[in-house]
Amino acid sequence: MAVRLSVVMVHSTPATPSAERVAQGVVGELIGLSGIDLILVAPLDSLGEASTDRLTLSSISGDIAVLDWRSPQVMHESLSRLGVDGQRTQHPADPATAEMGSAPVKPNVQLRKLYFFNLSDFTAPEAVVSSIAELNAARAVRTFSLAPIIKRPASGDPVQASDSGVGSETISEPKTDSRLPTGTSSGVVRDRVADSRESESASPTQRSSGSLKHASSDVSLGTDSVDQDLDALIDELDQLDP
């Protein structure tokens, strides 16, 4: 939706014919200008309490651009006497913005902006219309606060574990016993590794029962059976050798 600007032009008799041509040209151009609401009023100091022009000025709620043949400071003081409050705002045609005559700033109250144009500073109506059009275009620009941009890792970058405790788990192969007797074949090693994996995959109850049985068998063997076990292991290894 386009931003609209109320333009109040004070209709008074210019002092020179060239000024009259400027005033007529400005009125003719602003009537058909997009986004502009043109309002013609009598001289500000001549408006009475019940005048229609004063009621019209009081009904404007937004920002106002005022065109008159007087200085911006005088125009601002006249509007304040009429009860039309606002903050004099700087623009290219009024660079020397002053705080004199501005309404006091109230807490939590945003004052309207007042843009003053002294027509005595212009020699052609096109310059006035161009300044107003540029002012309204600048008012239509809005700024936004962007949220912080979070950089996502590339597809080839490693994914790091978060602080929530979720991490990667490394499963290692069971290690073979390096203390096996010399000459033990690879088949025996594979069998023992398989037995080790089966014991790891067994339930806790099975592992506990197995360990109990193993412990009981070790206890029942006694000291005299140690030599017999060693002899049986040596015989078994001799049979495996080609």
Protein backbone atom coordinates (compact mmCIF):
# COMPACT_ATOMS: atom_id res chain seq x y z
CA MET A 1 0.00 0.00 0.00
CA ALA A 2 1.37 3.44 -1.00
CA VAL A 3 2.20 5.95 1.73
CA ARG A 4 0.09 9.08 1.46
CA LEU A 5 1.07 12.60 2.44
CA SER A 6 -1.27 15.49 3.20
CA VAL A 7 -0.05 18.66 1.48
CA VAL A 8 -1.54 21.90 2.79
CA MET A 9 -1.06 24.81 0.41
CA VAL A 10 -1.81 28.26 1.78
CA HIS A 11 -3.83 30.07 -0.89
CA SER A 12 -2.79 33.71 -0.90
CA THR A 13 -2.15 36.35 -3.51
CA PRO A 14 1.53 36.17 -4.59
CA ALA A 15 3.47 39.40 -4.77
CA THR A 16 4.71 38.97 -8.37
CA PRO A 17 3.36 37.46 -11.61
CA SER A 18 6.14 34.87 -11.64
CA ALA A 19 5.16 33.77 -8.14
CA GLU A 20 1.57 33.49 -9.31
CA ARG A 21 2.64 31.16 -12.12
CA VAL A 22 4.57 29.01 -9.61
CA ALA A 23 1.51 28.74 -7.35
CA GLN A 24 -0.82 27.80 -10.21
CA GLY A 25 1.64 25.25 -11.58
CA VAL A 26 2.11 23.63 -8.18
CA VAL A 27 -1.64 23.26 -7.66
CA GLY A 28 -2.14 21.78 -11.12
CA GLU A 29 0.68 19.23 -10.69
CA LEU A 30 -0.12 18.15 -7.13
CA ILE A 31 -3.80 17.44 -7.86
CA GLY A 32 -2.90 14.42 -9.99
CA LEU A 33 0.26 13.34 -8.13
CA SER A 34 0.12 9.79 -6.76
CA GLY A 35 0.12 9.47 -2.97
CA ILE A 36 -0.63 13.17 -2.39
CA ASP A 37 -3.74 14.63 -0.76
CA LEU A 38 -3.83 18.34 -1.65
CA ILE A 39 -5.68 20.71 0.69
CA LEU A 40 -6.09 24.42 -0.07
CA VAL A 41 -6.60 26.75 2.89
CA ALA A 42 -6.74 30.47 3.47
CA PRO A 43 -3.81 32.27 5.16
CA LEU A 44 -3.17 30.55 8.49
CA ASP A 45 -3.33 33.70 10.61
CA SER A 46 -6.76 34.55 9.23
CA LEU A 47 -8.53 31.35 10.27
CA GLY A 48 -11.17 31.82 12.97
CA GLU A 49 -12.39 29.39 15.57
CA ALA A 50 -15.34 28.15 13.46
CA SER A 51 -13.75 28.41 10.03
CA THR A 52 -13.99 25.42 7.73
CA ASP A 53 -10.28 25.53 6.92
CA ARG A 54 -9.37 25.32 10.61
CA LEU A 55 -11.65 22.32 11.10
CA THR A 56 -10.05 20.70 8.06
CA LEU A 57 -6.57 21.16 9.51
CA SER A 58 -7.70 19.73 12.85
CA SER A 59 -9.04 16.59 11.12
CA ILE A 60 -5.66 15.66 9.58
CA SER A 61 -4.10 12.87 11.63
CA GLY A 62 -0.91 12.08 9.72
CA ASP A 63 2.17 13.97 8.63
CA ILE A 64 1.69 17.29 6.87
CA ALA A 65 3.66 19.20 4.26
CA VAL A 66 2.88 22.92 4.39
CA LEU A 67 3.46 25.22 1.39
CA ASP A 68 3.42 28.95 2.08
CA TRP A 69 5.20 32.14 1.08
CA ARG A 70 6.62 32.62 4.56
CA SER A 71 9.55 31.12 6.47
CA PRO A 72 9.24 27.67 8.04
CA GLN A 73 9.55 29.12 11.54
CA VAL A 74 6.60 31.47 11.01
CA MET A 75 4.49 28.68 9.50
CA HIS A 76 5.25 26.43 12.46
CA GLU A 77 4.22 29.10 14.95
CA SER A 78 0.94 29.69 13.09
CA LEU A 79 0.08 25.99 13.13
CA SER A 80 0.82 25.78 16.85
CA ARG A 81 -1.63 28.63 17.54
CA LEU A 82 -4.27 26.73 15.57
CA GLY A 83 -3.73 23.63 17.70
CA VAL A 84 -2.01 21.62 14.96
CA ASP A 85 0.91 20.11 16.84
CA GLY A 86 3.88 18.37 15.26
CA GLN A 87 7.64 18.19 15.02
CA ARG A 88 9.39 20.23 12.39
CA THR A 89 11.32 17.70 10.35
CA GLN A 90 14.33 18.30 8.17
CA HIS A 91 14.19 17.67 4.40
CA PRO A 92 16.22 18.94 1.40
CA ALA A 93 14.06 22.06 0.98
CA ASP A 94 14.31 22.90 4.70
CA PRO A 95 17.82 21.89 5.85
CA ALA A 96 18.01 24.35 8.77
CA THR A 97 15.59 22.53 11.06
CA ALA A 98 14.96 24.36 14.34
CA GLU A 99 13.30 23.27 17.55
CA MET A 100 11.77 26.69 18.16
CA GLY A 101 7.99 26.65 18.41
CA SER A 102 7.71 22.84 18.47
CA ALA A 103 5.21 21.25 20.81
CA PRO A 104 6.61 19.70 24.00
CA VAL A 105 7.32 16.01 23.73
CA LYS A 106 4.97 13.94 25.91
CA PRO A 107 5.85 10.46 27.19
CA ASN A 108 4.59 7.61 25.00
CA VAL A 109 3.26 10.12 22.42
CA GLN A 110 4.73 10.20 18.92
CA LEU A 111 4.31 13.59 17.29
CA ARG A 112 3.46 13.92 13.63
CA LYS A 113 6.08 15.24 11.26
CA LEU A 114 5.70 18.69 9.73
CA TYR A 115 7.53 19.48 6.47
CA PHE A 116 7.66 23.18 5.58
CA PHE A 117 8.23 24.54 2.06
CA ASN A 118 8.85 28.23 1.53
CA LEU A 119 7.60 28.87 -2.01
CA SER A 120 9.69 32.03 -2.18
CA ASP A 121 12.77 29.81 -2.54
CA PHE A 122 11.48 28.23 -5.81
CA THR A 123 11.40 29.73 -9.27
CA ALA A 124 9.59 26.89 -11.08
CA PRO A 125 6.64 24.70 -10.06
CA GLU A 126 8.44 21.56 -11.25
CA ALA A 127 11.07 21.98 -8.52
CA VAL A 128 8.39 22.14 -5.82
CA VAL A 129 6.53 19.09 -7.13
CA SER A 130 9.76 17.12 -7.50
CA SER A 131 10.79 17.91 -3.91
CA ILE A 132 7.44 16.77 -2.54
CA ALA A 133 7.50 13.57 -4.63
CA GLU A 134 11.00 12.70 -3.41
CA LEU A 135 9.98 13.41 0.18
CA ASN A 136 7.00 11.07 -0.04
CA ALA A 137 9.11 8.37 -1.68
CA ALA A 138 11.63 8.60 1.18
CA ARG A 139 8.81 8.26 3.71
CA ALA A 140 7.73 5.00 2.05
CA VAL A 141 11.08 3.35 2.83
CA ARG A 142 10.87 1.08 5.87
CA THR A 143 13.74 -0.63 7.68
CA PHE A 144 13.58 -4.04 9.34
CA SER A 145 15.72 -5.77 11.93
CA LEU A 146 16.96 -9.08 10.64
CA ALA A 147 17.43 -12.07 12.81
CA PRO A 148 20.98 -13.39 13.23
CA ILE A 149 21.93 -15.68 10.37
CA ILE A 150 22.95 -19.15 11.54
CA LYS A 151 25.59 -20.69 9.31
CA ARG A 152 24.83 -24.30 8.55
CA PRO A 153 27.73 -26.75 8.07
CA ALA A 154 28.48 -27.87 4.55
CA SER A 155 27.62 -31.39 3.46
CA GLY A 156 31.24 -32.47 3.70
CA ASP A 157 31.92 -30.95 7.12
CA PRO A 158 32.00 -33.34 10.08
CA VAL A 159 29.03 -33.18 12.39
CA GLN A 160 29.98 -32.29 15.92
CA ALA A 161 28.18 -33.75 18.89
CA SER A 162 25.95 -31.31 20.78
CA ASP A 163 26.10 -30.53 24.48
CA SER A 164 22.98 -32.61 25.11
CA GLY A 165 25.16 -35.69 25.61
CA VAL A 166 24.37 -37.34 22.27
CA GLY A 167 27.59 -38.74 20.85
CA SER A 168 28.88 -41.42 18.59
CA GLU A 169 29.57 -44.91 19.86
CA THR A 170 32.53 -46.89 18.63
CA ILE A 171 32.20 -50.68 18.62
CA SER A 172 35.52 -52.45 18.64
CA GLU A 173 36.22 -56.01 17.76
CA PRO A 174 37.08 -58.25 20.68
CA LYS A 175 40.80 -58.58 21.08
CA THR A 176 42.41 -61.99 20.93
CA ASP A 177 44.51 -63.18 23.79
CA SER A 178 48.18 -62.60 22.96
CA ARG A 179 49.19 -65.10 25.59
CA LEU A 180 48.10 -68.12 23.54
CA PRO A 181 50.73 -70.85 23.28
CA THR A 182 53.01 -70.81 20.27
CA GLY A 183 51.73 -72.87 17.39
CA THR A 184 48.03 -72.30 18.06
CA SER A 185 46.21 -72.41 14.74
CA SER A 186 43.97 -69.64 13.41
CA GLY A 187 40.92 -71.92 13.62
CA VAL A 188 41.29 -72.26 17.36
CA VAL A 189 41.62 -68.49 17.65
CA ARG A 190 38.45 -67.97 15.54
CA ASP A 191 36.57 -70.47 17.68
CA ARG A 192 37.60 -68.71 20.84
CA VAL A 193 36.70 -65.30 19.37
CA ALA A 194 33.27 -66.64 18.37
CA ASP A 195 32.79 -68.02 21.86
CA SER A 196 33.74 -64.63 23.23
CA ARG A 197 31.18 -62.84 21.00
CA GLU A 198 28.46 -65.31 21.94
CA SER A 199 29.20 -64.76 25.60
CA GLU A 200 29.01 -60.95 25.08
CA SER A 201 25.69 -61.17 23.22
CA ALA A 202 24.14 -63.43 25.85
CA SER A 203 21.73 -61.97 28.37
CA PRO A 204 23.02 -60.91 31.82
CA THR A 205 21.27 -63.89 33.38
CA GLN A 206 22.96 -66.31 31.00
CA ARG A 207 26.36 -64.68 31.49
CA SER A 208 25.98 -64.79 35.24
CA SER A 209 24.86 -68.42 35.22
CA GLY A 210 27.72 -69.32 32.91
CA SER A 211 30.23 -67.57 35.09
CA LEU A 212 28.82 -69.34 38.14
CA LYS A 213 29.17 -72.72 36.43
CA HIS A 214 32.69 -71.89 35.37
CA ALA A 215 33.58 -70.79 38.85
CA SER A 216 32.09 -73.93 40.37
CA SER A 217 33.98 -76.13 37.93
CA ASP A 218 37.21 -74.32 38.74
CA VAL A 219 36.65 -74.87 42.41
CA SER A 220 35.90 -78.55 41.93
CA LEU A 221 39.02 -79.17 39.89
CA GLY A 222 41.49 -78.59 42.68
CA THR A 223 45.24 -78.41 42.50
CA ASP A 224 45.80 -81.96 41.26
CA SER A 225 43.88 -81.35 38.01
CA VAL A 226 46.11 -78.47 36.84
CA ASP A 227 48.82 -80.80 35.47
CA GLN A 228 46.20 -82.93 33.68
CA ASP A 229 44.75 -79.86 31.94
CA LEU A 230 48.17 -78.76 30.72
CA ASP A 231 48.92 -82.24 29.35
CA ALA A 232 45.55 -82.36 27.57
CA LEU A 233 46.15 -78.94 26.00
CA ILE A 234 49.60 -80.01 24.75
CA ASP A 235 48.13 -83.19 23.24
CA GLU A 236 45.41 -81.17 21.53
CA LEU A 237 47.93 -78.78 19.98
CA ASP A 238 50.09 -81.69 18.75
CA GLN A 239 47.06 -83.20 16.98
CA LEU A 240 46.28 -79.89 15.24
CA ASP A 241 49.79 -79.54 13.78
CA PRO A 242 50.15 -81.21 10.35
